[in-house]
């Protein structure tokens, strides 16, 4: 049976040197197509050979007999021959039997790639390729959660840490934009930051269409300070402005967790050089957090993190039908943890 691969699995296989003789790239995400072809070029071609063993075709202008004949020949020198057929769904059916014969016994010194964003799966061409080639799924990422995971993996691969909450903010803002746009935005972010380090909330201000995490941080700050009115007004304003409840809550939770880490680092008198490896904090963040929220008890900070998790389960699980009311209950419960106990 032909292999079915995600882009991540393709990358892993090529890193190990496992190159299939025939691939099919299908799906509407252009970034996956371009990135897959770039990986295949690196894995299949001998660097010393230049482009002599790389041939490219367009389906509407080519024939299967021509492509199969070329794929059956050996490359010049070491490495493989790489043949790329773009818009492959435009290939005419003449030569389909020759293709079937080739797929049954492909040339081990050729890597043949058929790529199209939308194959007609009713055609004999697709059925033949799907049965005999490794199919790489290049479909767009399903939702903001998948986009967030992709962005986090992309940044971490370059040495830039990204918390789940900030990844969710990116996913909420750029879901549906396409990976080419998202990759360009991440490149812009990395260029602005400079040397690799964890991405901070304020860094996201340079990204287009990313949600207003700064306003969510202000609401979290007010809640931790005990200003219930300001916190509730801020959270409601974000929801009324169209911000997604999970993003708002994610930013709130990030701020609470950062405050808790800053408190722990302060109480343990952590040396500035150890803040980043131990707590993912920059040297100035501990002092800044102390100035922003004041002497909030550690128990209140831990309760804030726990309440965020509980509220998140309620919103995503459907138990909290009105996110605004869920946020309001969270803020009131957090305020009670700050109140002095009666004797």
C-alpha atoms as a PDB file:
ATOM      1  CA  UNK A   1       0.000   0.000   0.000  1.00  0.00           C
ATOM      2  CA  UNK A   2       1.272   3.491  -0.832  1.00  0.00           C
ATOM      3  CA  UNK A   3       2.486   5.608   2.067  1.00  0.00           C
ATOM      4  CA  UNK A   4       0.417   8.549   3.330  1.00  0.00           C
ATOM      5  CA  UNK A   5       2.538  11.322   4.789  1.00  0.00           C
ATOM      6  CA  UNK A   6       2.058  14.619   6.514  1.00  0.00           C
ATOM      7  CA  UNK A   7       4.619  17.328   5.813  1.00  0.00           C
ATOM      8  CA  UNK A   8       6.215  16.662   9.208  1.00  0.00           C
ATOM      9  CA  UNK A   9       6.593  12.949   8.459  1.00  0.00           C
ATOM     10  CA  UNK A  10       8.023  13.705   5.032  1.00  0.00           C
ATOM     11  CA  UNK A  11      10.619  15.992   6.614  1.00  0.00           C
ATOM     12  CA  UNK A  12      11.542  13.347   9.189  1.00  0.00           C
ATOM     13  CA  UNK A  13      11.903  10.661   6.523  1.00  0.00           C
ATOM     14  CA  UNK A  14      14.071  12.824   4.272  1.00  0.00           C
ATOM     15  CA  UNK A  15      16.246  13.784   7.230  1.00  0.00           C
ATOM     16  CA  UNK A  16      16.916  10.066   7.705  1.00  0.00           C
ATOM     17  CA  UNK A  17      17.766   9.766   4.002  1.00  0.00           C
ATOM     18  CA  UNK A  18      14.627   7.779   3.137  1.00  0.00           C
ATOM     19  CA  UNK A  19      13.626   9.057  -0.312  1.00  0.00           C
ATOM     20  CA  UNK A  20      10.673   7.394  -2.050  1.00  0.00           C
ATOM     21  CA  UNK A  21      10.894   6.903  -5.845  1.00  0.00           C
ATOM     22  CA  UNK A  22       7.514   8.571  -6.533  1.00  0.00           C
ATOM     23  CA  UNK A  23       5.604  11.244  -4.590  1.00  0.00           C
ATOM     24  CA  UNK A  24       2.250  12.946  -5.004  1.00  0.00           C
ATOM     25  CA  UNK A  25       1.761  16.355  -3.387  1.00  0.00           C
ATOM     26  CA  UNK A  26      -1.904  17.224  -3.041  1.00  0.00           C
ATOM     27  CA  UNK A  27      -3.756  19.906  -1.118  1.00  0.00           C
ATOM     28  CA  UNK A  28      -4.359  23.645  -1.270  1.00  0.00           C
ATOM     29  CA  UNK A  29      -1.599  24.881   1.061  1.00  0.00           C
ATOM     30  CA  UNK A  30       1.034  26.313  -1.291  1.00  0.00           C
ATOM     31  CA  UNK A  31       3.636  26.597   1.485  1.00  0.00           C
ATOM     32  CA  UNK A  32       3.599  22.831   2.033  1.00  0.00           C
ATOM     33  CA  UNK A  33       4.094  22.300  -1.720  1.00  0.00           C
ATOM     34  CA  UNK A  34       7.046  24.680  -1.942  1.00  0.00           C
ATOM     35  CA  UNK A  35       8.656  23.461   1.278  1.00  0.00           C
ATOM     36  CA  UNK A  36       8.228  19.806   0.296  1.00  0.00           C
ATOM     37  CA  UNK A  37       9.846  20.393  -3.096  1.00  0.00           C
ATOM     38  CA  UNK A  38      12.733  22.250  -1.472  1.00  0.00           C
ATOM     39  CA  UNK A  39      13.318  19.345   0.926  1.00  0.00           C
ATOM     40  CA  UNK A  40      13.141  16.826  -1.914  1.00  0.00           C
ATOM     41  CA  UNK A  41      15.674  18.787  -3.952  1.00  0.00           C
ATOM     42  CA  UNK A  42      18.115  18.772  -1.036  1.00  0.00           C
ATOM     43  CA  UNK A  43      17.585  15.068  -0.332  1.00  0.00           C
ATOM     44  CA  UNK A  44      17.568  13.772  -3.915  1.00  0.00           C
ATOM     45  CA  UNK A  45      20.085  15.848  -5.842  1.00  0.00           C
ATOM     46  CA  UNK A  46      23.855  15.705  -5.627  1.00  0.00           C
ATOM     47  CA  UNK A  47      25.033  19.243  -4.717  1.00  0.00           C
ATOM     48  CA  UNK A  48      28.009  18.968  -7.051  1.00  0.00           C
ATOM     49  CA  UNK A  49      25.772  18.282 -10.022  1.00  0.00           C
ATOM     50  CA  UNK A  50      24.015  21.622  -9.986  1.00  0.00           C
ATOM     51  CA  UNK A  51      20.684  21.478 -11.794  1.00  0.00           C
ATOM     52  CA  UNK A  52      21.725  19.029 -14.479  1.00  0.00           C
ATOM     53  CA  UNK A  53      19.587  16.222 -13.029  1.00  0.00           C
ATOM     54  CA  UNK A  54      16.569  18.365 -12.206  1.00  0.00           C
ATOM     55  CA  UNK A  55      13.771  18.510 -14.771  1.00  0.00           C
ATOM     56  CA  UNK A  56      10.437  20.314 -14.397  1.00  0.00           C
ATOM     57  CA  UNK A  57       7.189  19.900 -16.343  1.00  0.00           C
ATOM     58  CA  UNK A  58       3.712  21.399 -16.341  1.00  0.00           C
ATOM     59  CA  UNK A  59       0.907  18.884 -16.682  1.00  0.00           C
ATOM     60  CA  UNK A  60      -1.159  20.682 -19.368  1.00  0.00           C
ATOM     61  CA  UNK A  61       1.927  20.985 -21.572  1.00  0.00           C
ATOM     62  CA  UNK A  62       3.364  17.493 -21.072  1.00  0.00           C
ATOM     63  CA  UNK A  63       2.586  13.825 -21.629  1.00  0.00           C
ATOM     64  CA  UNK A  64       2.918  10.758 -19.437  1.00  0.00           C
ATOM     65  CA  UNK A  65       4.979   8.873 -22.028  1.00  0.00           C
ATOM     66  CA  UNK A  66       7.608  11.651 -22.063  1.00  0.00           C
ATOM     67  CA  UNK A  67       7.747  11.815 -18.266  1.00  0.00           C
ATOM     68  CA  UNK A  68       7.935   8.037 -17.771  1.00  0.00           C
ATOM     69  CA  UNK A  69      10.644   7.679 -20.420  1.00  0.00           C
ATOM     70  CA  UNK A  70      12.785  10.338 -18.723  1.00  0.00           C
ATOM     71  CA  UNK A  71      12.165   8.860 -15.248  1.00  0.00           C
ATOM     72  CA  UNK A  72      13.403   5.486 -16.531  1.00  0.00           C
ATOM     73  CA  UNK A  73      16.837   6.898 -17.468  1.00  0.00           C
ATOM     74  CA  UNK A  74      19.690   7.139 -15.004  1.00  0.00           C
ATOM     75  CA  UNK A  75      21.074  10.511 -13.884  1.00  0.00           C
ATOM     76  CA  UNK A  76      24.447  11.891 -14.828  1.00  0.00           C
ATOM     77  CA  UNK A  77      26.906  11.312 -11.998  1.00  0.00           C
ATOM     78  CA  UNK A  78      25.997  10.453  -8.374  1.00  0.00           C
ATOM     79  CA  UNK A  79      22.718  11.163  -6.641  1.00  0.00           C
ATOM     80  CA  UNK A  80      19.304  10.930  -8.242  1.00  0.00           C
ATOM     81  CA  UNK A  81      17.374  12.473 -11.067  1.00  0.00           C
ATOM     82  CA  UNK A  82      14.576  14.723  -9.737  1.00  0.00           C
ATOM     83  CA  UNK A  83      11.541  15.200 -11.980  1.00  0.00           C
ATOM     84  CA  UNK A  84       8.831  17.636 -10.840  1.00  0.00           C
ATOM     85  CA  UNK A  85       5.455  17.748 -12.569  1.00  0.00           C
ATOM     86  CA  UNK A  86       3.429  20.751 -11.445  1.00  0.00           C
ATOM     87  CA  UNK A  87      -0.275  21.121 -12.243  1.00  0.00           C
ATOM     88  CA  UNK A  88      -0.145  17.367 -12.639  1.00  0.00           C
ATOM     89  CA  UNK A  89      -3.933  16.994 -12.759  1.00  0.00           C
ATOM     90  CA  UNK A  90      -3.702  18.572 -16.205  1.00  0.00           C
ATOM     91  CA  UNK A  91      -1.928  15.500 -17.625  1.00  0.00           C
ATOM     92  CA  UNK A  92      -3.935  13.738 -20.324  1.00  0.00           C
ATOM     93  CA  UNK A  93      -4.844  10.067 -19.811  1.00  0.00           C
ATOM     94  CA  UNK A  94      -2.709   8.833 -22.718  1.00  0.00           C
ATOM     95  CA  UNK A  95       0.170   6.871 -21.227  1.00  0.00           C
ATOM     96  CA  UNK A  96      -1.632   5.783 -18.046  1.00  0.00           C
ATOM     97  CA  UNK A  97      -0.618   2.143 -18.656  1.00  0.00           C
ATOM     98  CA  UNK A  98       3.017   3.208 -18.981  1.00  0.00           C
ATOM     99  CA  UNK A  99       2.680   5.024 -15.642  1.00  0.00           C
ATOM    100  CA  UNK A 100       1.209   1.919 -14.001  1.00  0.00           C
ATOM    101  CA  UNK A 101       4.128  -0.130 -15.269  1.00  0.00           C
ATOM    102  CA  UNK A 102       6.629   2.407 -13.959  1.00  0.00           C
ATOM    103  CA  UNK A 103       4.995   2.540 -10.511  1.00  0.00           C
ATOM    104  CA  UNK A 104       5.212  -1.248 -10.304  1.00  0.00           C
ATOM    105  CA  UNK A 105       8.990  -1.076 -10.825  1.00  0.00           C
ATOM    106  CA  UNK A 106      10.313   2.484 -10.471  1.00  0.00           C
ATOM    107  CA  UNK A 107      13.853   3.561 -11.226  1.00  0.00           C
ATOM    108  CA  UNK A 108      15.716   3.680  -7.868  1.00  0.00           C
ATOM    109  CA  UNK A 109      17.908   6.536  -9.164  1.00  0.00           C
ATOM    110  CA  UNK A 110      14.927   8.798  -9.921  1.00  0.00           C
ATOM    111  CA  UNK A 111      12.647  10.788  -7.625  1.00  0.00           C
ATOM    112  CA  UNK A 112       9.468  11.597  -9.555  1.00  0.00           C
ATOM    113  CA  UNK A 113       7.066  14.136  -8.033  1.00  0.00           C
ATOM    114  CA  UNK A 114       3.513  14.896  -9.191  1.00  0.00           C
ATOM    115  CA  UNK A 115       2.133  18.062  -7.575  1.00  0.00           C
ATOM    116  CA  UNK A 116      -1.270  19.699  -7.798  1.00  0.00           C
ATOM    117  CA  UNK A 117      -3.352  21.627  -5.311  1.00  0.00           C
ATOM    118  CA  UNK A 118      -6.523  19.862  -6.411  1.00  0.00           C
ATOM    119  CA  UNK A 119      -6.470  16.444  -8.077  1.00  0.00           C
ATOM    120  CA  UNK A 120      -9.724  15.136  -9.524  1.00  0.00           C
ATOM    121  CA  UNK A 121     -10.006  11.941  -7.495  1.00  0.00           C
ATOM    122  CA  UNK A 122     -12.467  10.447  -9.987  1.00  0.00           C
ATOM    123  CA  UNK A 123      -9.801  10.225 -12.692  1.00  0.00           C
ATOM    124  CA  UNK A 124      -7.697   7.174 -13.435  1.00  0.00           C
ATOM    125  CA  UNK A 125      -4.575   9.333 -13.046  1.00  0.00           C
ATOM    126  CA  UNK A 126      -5.298  10.056  -9.386  1.00  0.00           C
ATOM    127  CA  UNK A 127      -6.316   6.471  -8.611  1.00  0.00           C
ATOM    128  CA  UNK A 128      -3.139   5.172 -10.201  1.00  0.00           C
ATOM    129  CA  UNK A 129      -0.891   7.616  -8.358  1.00  0.00           C
ATOM    130  CA  UNK A 130      -2.658   7.163  -5.024  1.00  0.00           C
ATOM    131  CA  UNK A 131      -2.210   3.395  -5.266  1.00  0.00           C
ATOM    132  CA  UNK A 132       1.471   3.417  -6.217  1.00  0.00           C
ATOM    133  CA  UNK A 133       3.116   6.598  -4.879  1.00  0.00           C
ATOM    134  CA  UNK A 134       3.785   8.195  -1.506  1.00  0.00           C
ATOM    135  CA  UNK A 135       1.022  10.773  -1.043  1.00  0.00           C
ATOM    136  CA  UNK A 136       1.964  13.925   0.894  1.00  0.00           C
ATOM    137  CA  UNK A 137      -0.989  15.779   2.409  1.00  0.00           C
ATOM    138  CA  UNK A 138      -0.614  19.504   1.709  1.00  0.00           C
ATOM    139  CA  UNK A 139      -4.049  20.501   2.978  1.00  0.00           C
ATOM    140  CA  UNK A 140      -4.354  23.800   4.891  1.00  0.00           C
ATOM    141  CA  UNK A 141      -4.111  23.606   8.661  1.00  0.00           C
ATOM    142  CA  UNK A 142      -7.520  22.887  10.107  1.00  0.00           C
ATOM    143  CA  UNK A 143      -7.954  25.684  12.644  1.00  0.00           C
ATOM    144  CA  UNK A 144      -6.317  28.194  14.953  1.00  0.00           C
ATOM    145  CA  UNK A 145      -5.069  25.436  17.257  1.00  0.00           C
ATOM    146  CA  UNK A 146      -3.184  23.779  14.408  1.00  0.00           C
ATOM    147  CA  UNK A 147      -1.803  27.142  13.277  1.00  0.00           C
ATOM    148  CA  UNK A 148      -0.635  27.853  16.844  1.00  0.00           C
ATOM    149  CA  UNK A 149       1.178  24.512  17.027  1.00  0.00           C
ATOM    150  CA  UNK A 150       2.782  25.109  13.624  1.00  0.00           C
ATOM    151  CA  UNK A 151       3.963  28.597  14.605  1.00  0.00           C
ATOM    152  CA  UNK A 152       5.391  27.328  17.878  1.00  0.00           C
ATOM    153  CA  UNK A 153       7.256  24.496  16.126  1.00  0.00           C
ATOM    154  CA  UNK A 154       8.549  26.870  13.461  1.00  0.00           C
ATOM    155  CA  UNK A 155       9.892  29.382  15.999  1.00  0.00           C
ATOM    156  CA  UNK A 156      11.330  26.773  18.333  1.00  0.00           C
ATOM    157  CA  UNK A 157      13.137  25.202  15.402  1.00  0.00           C
ATOM    158  CA  UNK A 158      14.993  28.504  15.026  1.00  0.00           C
ATOM    159  CA  UNK A 159      15.706  28.814  18.766  1.00  0.00           C
ATOM    160  CA  UNK A 160      12.831  31.184  19.682  1.00  0.00           C
ATOM    161  CA  UNK A 161      10.710  29.935  22.568  1.00  0.00           C
ATOM    162  CA  UNK A 162       6.961  30.559  22.397  1.00  0.00           C
ATOM    163  CA  UNK A 163       4.545  29.930  25.247  1.00  0.00           C
ATOM    164  CA  UNK A 164       1.259  28.130  24.500  1.00  0.00           C
ATOM    165  CA  UNK A 165      -0.722  31.291  25.296  1.00  0.00           C
ATOM    166  CA  UNK A 166       1.214  33.461  22.847  1.00  0.00           C
ATOM    167  CA  UNK A 167       1.038  30.689  20.255  1.00  0.00           C
ATOM    168  CA  UNK A 168      -2.756  30.666  20.697  1.00  0.00           C
ATOM    169  CA  UNK A 169      -2.815  34.416  20.109  1.00  0.00           C
ATOM    170  CA  UNK A 170      -0.942  33.953  16.831  1.00  0.00           C
ATOM    171  CA  UNK A 171      -3.249  31.105  15.856  1.00  0.00           C
ATOM    172  CA  UNK A 172      -6.369  33.133  16.609  1.00  0.00           C
ATOM    173  CA  UNK A 173      -5.160  36.110  14.592  1.00  0.00           C
ATOM    174  CA  UNK A 174      -3.685  34.372  11.563  1.00  0.00           C
ATOM    175  CA  UNK A 175      -5.816  31.256  11.157  1.00  0.00           C
ATOM    176  CA  UNK A 176      -6.968  31.117   7.561  1.00  0.00           C
ATOM    177  CA  UNK A 177      -4.270  33.497   6.325  1.00  0.00           C
ATOM    178  CA  UNK A 178      -2.233  30.658   4.807  1.00  0.00           C
ATOM    179  CA  UNK A 179       1.208  29.459   5.820  1.00  0.00           C
ATOM    180  CA  UNK A 180       3.032  31.654   3.325  1.00  0.00           C
ATOM    181  CA  UNK A 181       1.593  34.735   5.044  1.00  0.00           C
ATOM    182  CA  UNK A 182       2.170  33.260   8.501  1.00  0.00           C
ATOM    183  CA  UNK A 183       5.752  32.310   7.670  1.00  0.00           C
ATOM    184  CA  UNK A 184       6.409  35.848   6.421  1.00  0.00           C
ATOM    185  CA  UNK A 185       5.008  37.271   9.674  1.00  0.00           C
ATOM    186  CA  UNK A 186       7.181  34.927  11.754  1.00  0.00           C
ATOM    187  CA  UNK A 187      10.242  35.889   9.717  1.00  0.00           C
ATOM    188  CA  UNK A 188       9.417  39.533  10.462  1.00  0.00           C
ATOM    189  CA  UNK A 189       9.082  38.705  14.162  1.00  0.00           C
ATOM    190  CA  UNK A 190      12.415  36.889  14.319  1.00  0.00           C
ATOM    191  CA  UNK A 191      14.168  39.707  12.468  1.00  0.00           C
ATOM    192  CA  UNK A 192      12.772  42.266  14.918  1.00  0.00           C
ATOM    193  CA  UNK A 193      13.808  40.227  17.965  1.00  0.00           C
ATOM    194  CA  UNK A 194      17.308  39.501  16.710  1.00  0.00           C
ATOM    195  CA  UNK A 195      19.246  36.796  18.525  1.00  0.00           C
ATOM    196  CA  UNK A 196      17.126  33.772  19.543  1.00  0.00           C
ATOM    197  CA  UNK A 197      15.328  34.058  22.887  1.00  0.00           C
ATOM    198  CA  UNK A 198      11.802  33.394  24.218  1.00  0.00           C
ATOM    199  CA  UNK A 199       9.155  35.515  22.500  1.00  0.00           C
ATOM    200  CA  UNK A 200       7.485  38.007  24.846  1.00  0.00           C
ATOM    201  CA  UNK A 201       3.953  39.340  24.690  1.00  0.00           C
ATOM    202  CA  UNK A 202       5.115  42.780  23.656  1.00  0.00           C
ATOM    203  CA  UNK A 203       6.990  41.247  20.705  1.00  0.00           C
ATOM    204  CA  UNK A 204       3.674  40.258  19.110  1.00  0.00           C
ATOM    205  CA  UNK A 205       2.760  43.909  18.563  1.00  0.00           C
ATOM    206  CA  UNK A 206       4.623  43.868  15.242  1.00  0.00           C
ATOM    207  CA  UNK A 207       2.487  41.032  13.854  1.00  0.00           C
ATOM    208  CA  UNK A 208      -0.492  41.984  11.742  1.00  0.00           C
ATOM    209  CA  UNK A 209      -3.950  40.861  12.902  1.00  0.00           C
ATOM    210  CA  UNK A 210      -2.749  39.176  16.086  1.00  0.00           C
ATOM    211  CA  UNK A 211      -5.270  39.611  18.917  1.00  0.00           C
ATOM    212  CA  UNK A 212      -4.966  42.330  21.550  1.00  0.00           C
ATOM    213  CA  UNK A 213      -3.015  40.351  24.129  1.00  0.00           C
ATOM    214  CA  UNK A 214      -1.845  43.591  25.739  1.00  0.00           C
ATOM    215  CA  UNK A 215      -5.410  44.512  26.713  1.00  0.00           C
ATOM    216  CA  UNK A 216      -5.924  41.028  28.124  1.00  0.00           C
ATOM    217  CA  UNK A 217      -2.764  41.493  30.199  1.00  0.00           C
ATOM    218  CA  UNK A 218      -4.169  44.747  31.591  1.00  0.00           C
ATOM    219  CA  UNK A 219      -7.334  42.923  32.648  1.00  0.00           C
ATOM    220  CA  UNK A 220      -5.232  40.210  34.315  1.00  0.00           C
ATOM    221  CA  UNK A 221      -3.170  42.848  36.096  1.00  0.00           C
ATOM    222  CA  UNK A 222      -6.306  44.520  37.427  1.00  0.00           C
ATOM    223  CA  UNK A 223      -7.683  41.178  38.613  1.00  0.00           C
ATOM    224  CA  UNK A 224      -4.465  40.304  40.451  1.00  0.00           C
ATOM    225  CA  UNK A 225      -4.437  43.745  42.053  1.00  0.00           C
ATOM    226  CA  UNK A 226      -7.971  43.134  43.313  1.00  0.00           C
ATOM    227  CA  UNK A 227      -9.655  45.683  41.029  1.00  0.00           C
ATOM    228  CA  UNK A 228     -12.594  43.508  40.021  1.00  0.00           C
ATOM    229  CA  UNK A 229     -14.458  46.269  38.200  1.00  0.00           C
ATOM    230  CA  UNK A 230     -11.569  47.167  35.890  1.00  0.00           C
ATOM    231  CA  UNK A 231     -10.797  43.524  35.204  1.00  0.00           C
ATOM    232  CA  UNK A 232     -14.382  42.641  34.297  1.00  0.00           C
ATOM    233  CA  UNK A 233     -14.821  45.749  32.143  1.00  0.00           C
ATOM    234  CA  UNK A 234     -11.592  44.973  30.298  1.00  0.00           C
ATOM    235  CA  UNK A 235     -12.518  41.351  29.633  1.00  0.00           C
ATOM    236  CA  UNK A 236     -16.032  42.235  28.479  1.00  0.00           C
ATOM    237  CA  UNK A 237     -14.650  44.940  26.175  1.00  0.00           C
ATOM    238  CA  UNK A 238     -12.362  42.415  24.490  1.00  0.00           C
ATOM    239  CA  UNK A 239     -15.227  39.979  23.916  1.00  0.00           C
ATOM    240  CA  UNK A 240     -17.502  42.731  22.601  1.00  0.00           C
ATOM    241  CA  UNK A 241     -14.717  43.780  20.209  1.00  0.00           C
ATOM    242  CA  UNK A 242     -14.837  40.304  18.698  1.00  0.00           C
ATOM    243  CA  UNK A 243     -11.810  38.733  20.355  1.00  0.00           C
ATOM    244  CA  UNK A 244     -12.118  34.975  20.844  1.00  0.00           C
ATOM    245  CA  UNK A 245     -12.686  33.854  24.438  1.00  0.00           C
ATOM    246  CA  UNK A 246      -9.910  31.186  24.392  1.00  0.00           C
ATOM    247  CA  UNK A 247      -7.380  33.791  23.204  1.00  0.00           C
ATOM    248  CA  UNK A 248      -8.395  36.271  25.902  1.00  0.00           C
ATOM    249  CA  UNK A 249      -8.211  33.588  28.566  1.00  0.00           C
ATOM    250  CA  UNK A 250      -4.887  32.337  27.220  1.00  0.00           C
ATOM    251  CA  UNK A 251      -3.352  35.786  27.534  1.00  0.00           C
ATOM    252  CA  UNK A 252      -4.826  36.176  31.035  1.00  0.00           C
ATOM    253  CA  UNK A 253      -3.326  32.808  32.045  1.00  0.00           C
ATOM    254  CA  UNK A 254       0.062  33.697  30.566  1.00  0.00           C
ATOM    255  CA  UNK A 255       0.191  36.851  32.652  1.00  0.00           C
ATOM    256  CA  UNK A 256      -0.811  34.973  35.822  1.00  0.00           C
ATOM    257  CA  UNK A 257       1.812  32.286  35.239  1.00  0.00           C
ATOM    258  CA  UNK A 258       4.488  34.868  34.518  1.00  0.00           C
ATOM    259  CA  UNK A 259       3.576  36.685  37.730  1.00  0.00           C
ATOM    260  CA  UNK A 260       3.852  33.414  39.656  1.00  0.00           C
ATOM    261  CA  UNK A 261       7.268  32.643  38.162  1.00  0.00           C
ATOM    262  CA  UNK A 262       8.459  36.168  38.944  1.00  0.00           C
ATOM    263  CA  UNK A 263       7.303  35.795  42.550  1.00  0.00           C
ATOM    264  CA  UNK A 264       9.091  32.441  42.873  1.00  0.00           C
ATOM    265  CA  UNK A 265      12.280  33.859  41.381  1.00  0.00           C
ATOM    266  CA  UNK A 266      12.136  36.849  43.733  1.00  0.00           C
ATOM    267  CA  UNK A 267      11.576  34.773  46.851  1.00  0.00           C
ATOM    268  CA  UNK A 268      14.408  32.421  45.916  1.00  0.00           C
ATOM    269  CA  UNK A 269      16.698  35.379  45.187  1.00  0.00           C
ATOM    270  CA  UNK A 270      17.497  33.925  41.764  1.00  0.00           C
ATOM    271  CA  UNK A 271      20.582  35.438  40.158  1.00  0.00           C
ATOM    272  CA  UNK A 272      19.849  37.455  36.965  1.00  0.00           C
ATOM    273  CA  UNK A 273      21.929  35.054  34.853  1.00  0.00           C
ATOM    274  CA  UNK A 274      19.700  32.150  35.978  1.00  0.00           C
ATOM    275  CA  UNK A 275      16.325  33.778  35.293  1.00  0.00           C
ATOM    276  CA  UNK A 276      16.152  32.763  31.637  1.00  0.00           C
ATOM    277  CA  UNK A 277      17.203  29.098  31.982  1.00  0.00           C
ATOM    278  CA  UNK A 278      15.154  28.494  35.151  1.00  0.00           C
ATOM    279  CA  UNK A 279      12.043  30.600  34.590  1.00  0.00           C
ATOM    280  CA  UNK A 280      12.200  31.880  30.983  1.00  0.00           C
ATOM    281  CA  UNK A 281      12.241  35.421  32.388  1.00  0.00           C
ATOM    282  CA  UNK A 282      14.338  38.378  31.327  1.00  0.00           C
ATOM    283  CA  UNK A 283      16.265  40.118  34.138  1.00  0.00           C
ATOM    284  CA  UNK A 284      13.954  43.138  34.212  1.00  0.00           C
ATOM    285  CA  UNK A 285      10.723  41.138  34.294  1.00  0.00           C
ATOM    286  CA  UNK A 286      10.846  40.264  37.998  1.00  0.00           C
ATOM    287  CA  UNK A 287      11.075  43.894  39.050  1.00  0.00           C
ATOM    288  CA  UNK A 288       8.526  44.986  36.481  1.00  0.00           C
ATOM    289  CA  UNK A 289       6.014  42.381  37.615  1.00  0.00           C
ATOM    290  CA  UNK A 290       6.497  43.424  41.235  1.00  0.00           C
ATOM    291  CA  UNK A 291       5.816  47.035  40.264  1.00  0.00           C
ATOM    292  CA  UNK A 292       2.752  46.127  38.214  1.00  0.00           C
ATOM    293  CA  UNK A 293       0.840  43.926  40.641  1.00  0.00           C
ATOM    294  CA  UNK A 294       2.370  44.698  44.020  1.00  0.00           C
ATOM    295  CA  UNK A 295       2.678  42.179  46.865  1.00  0.00           C
ATOM    296  CA  UNK A 296       0.118  39.642  45.652  1.00  0.00           C
ATOM    297  CA  UNK A 297       0.306  36.500  47.838  1.00  0.00           C
ATOM    298  CA  UNK A 298       1.785  33.467  46.142  1.00  0.00           C
ATOM    299  CA  UNK A 299      -1.341  31.498  47.050  1.00  0.00           C
ATOM    300  CA  UNK A 300      -3.445  33.990  45.093  1.00  0.00           C
ATOM    301  CA  UNK A 301      -1.195  33.643  42.064  1.00  0.00           C
ATOM    302  CA  UNK A 302      -1.426  29.858  42.194  1.00  0.00           C
ATOM    303  CA  UNK A 303      -5.192  30.121  42.540  1.00  0.00           C
ATOM    304  CA  UNK A 304      -5.309  32.449  39.528  1.00  0.00           C
ATOM    305  CA  UNK A 305      -3.506  29.867  37.380  1.00  0.00           C
ATOM    306  CA  UNK A 306      -5.829  27.099  38.622  1.00  0.00           C
ATOM    307  CA  UNK A 307      -8.920  29.231  37.952  1.00  0.00           C
ATOM    308  CA  UNK A 308      -7.729  29.901  34.399  1.00  0.00           C
ATOM    309  CA  UNK A 309      -7.448  26.160  33.774  1.00  0.00           C
ATOM    310  CA  UNK A 310     -10.897  25.549  35.247  1.00  0.00           C
ATOM    311  CA  UNK A 311     -12.449  28.345  33.183  1.00  0.00           C
ATOM    312  CA  UNK A 312     -10.703  27.098  30.048  1.00  0.00           C
ATOM    313  CA  UNK A 313     -12.222  23.635  30.526  1.00  0.00           C
ATOM    314  CA  UNK A 314     -15.636  25.200  30.989  1.00  0.00           C
ATOM    315  CA  UNK A 315     -15.398  27.330  27.836  1.00  0.00           C
ATOM    316  CA  UNK A 316     -13.936  24.663  25.563  1.00  0.00           C
ATOM    317  CA  UNK A 317     -16.056  21.881  27.000  1.00  0.00           C
ATOM    318  CA  UNK A 318     -19.282  23.781  26.504  1.00  0.00           C
ATOM    319  CA  UNK A 319     -20.153  24.020  30.194  1.00  0.00           C
ATOM    320  CA  UNK A 320     -19.782  27.798  30.149  1.00  0.00           C
ATOM    321  CA  UNK A 321     -22.332  28.982  27.600  1.00  0.00           C
ATOM    322  CA  UNK A 322     -21.563  32.688  28.172  1.00  0.00           C
ATOM    323  CA  UNK A 323     -17.785  33.382  28.257  1.00  0.00           C
ATOM    324  CA  UNK A 324     -18.375  36.858  29.719  1.00  0.00           C
ATOM    325  CA  UNK A 325     -20.152  35.385  32.747  1.00  0.00           C
ATOM    326  CA  UNK A 326     -17.460  32.726  33.072  1.00  0.00           C
ATOM    327  CA  UNK A 327     -14.779  35.429  33.142  1.00  0.00           C
ATOM    328  CA  UNK A 328     -16.730  37.421  35.693  1.00  0.00           C
ATOM    329  CA  UNK A 329     -17.039  34.404  38.011  1.00  0.00           C
ATOM    330  CA  UNK A 330     -13.309  33.775  37.641  1.00  0.00           C
ATOM    331  CA  UNK A 331     -12.448  37.355  38.617  1.00  0.00           C
ATOM    332  CA  UNK A 332     -14.782  37.311  41.648  1.00  0.00           C
ATOM    333  CA  UNK A 333     -13.362  33.998  42.862  1.00  0.00           C
ATOM    334  CA  UNK A 334      -9.836  35.301  42.437  1.00  0.00           C
ATOM    335  CA  UNK A 335     -10.710  38.403  44.477  1.00  0.00           C
ATOM    336  CA  UNK A 336     -11.923  36.199  47.325  1.00  0.00           C
ATOM    337  CA  UNK A 337      -8.510  34.500  47.521  1.00  0.00           C
ATOM    338  CA  UNK A 338      -6.955  37.914  48.192  1.00  0.00           C
ATOM    339  CA  UNK A 339      -9.389  38.825  50.943  1.00  0.00           C
ATOM    340  CA  UNK A 340      -8.099  38.384  54.513  1.00  0.00           C
ATOM    341  CA  UNK A 341      -9.581  35.375  56.282  1.00  0.00           C
ATOM    342  CA  UNK A 342     -11.985  36.025  59.155  1.00  0.00           C
ATOM    343  CA  UNK A 343     -11.028  34.617  62.534  1.00  0.00           C
END
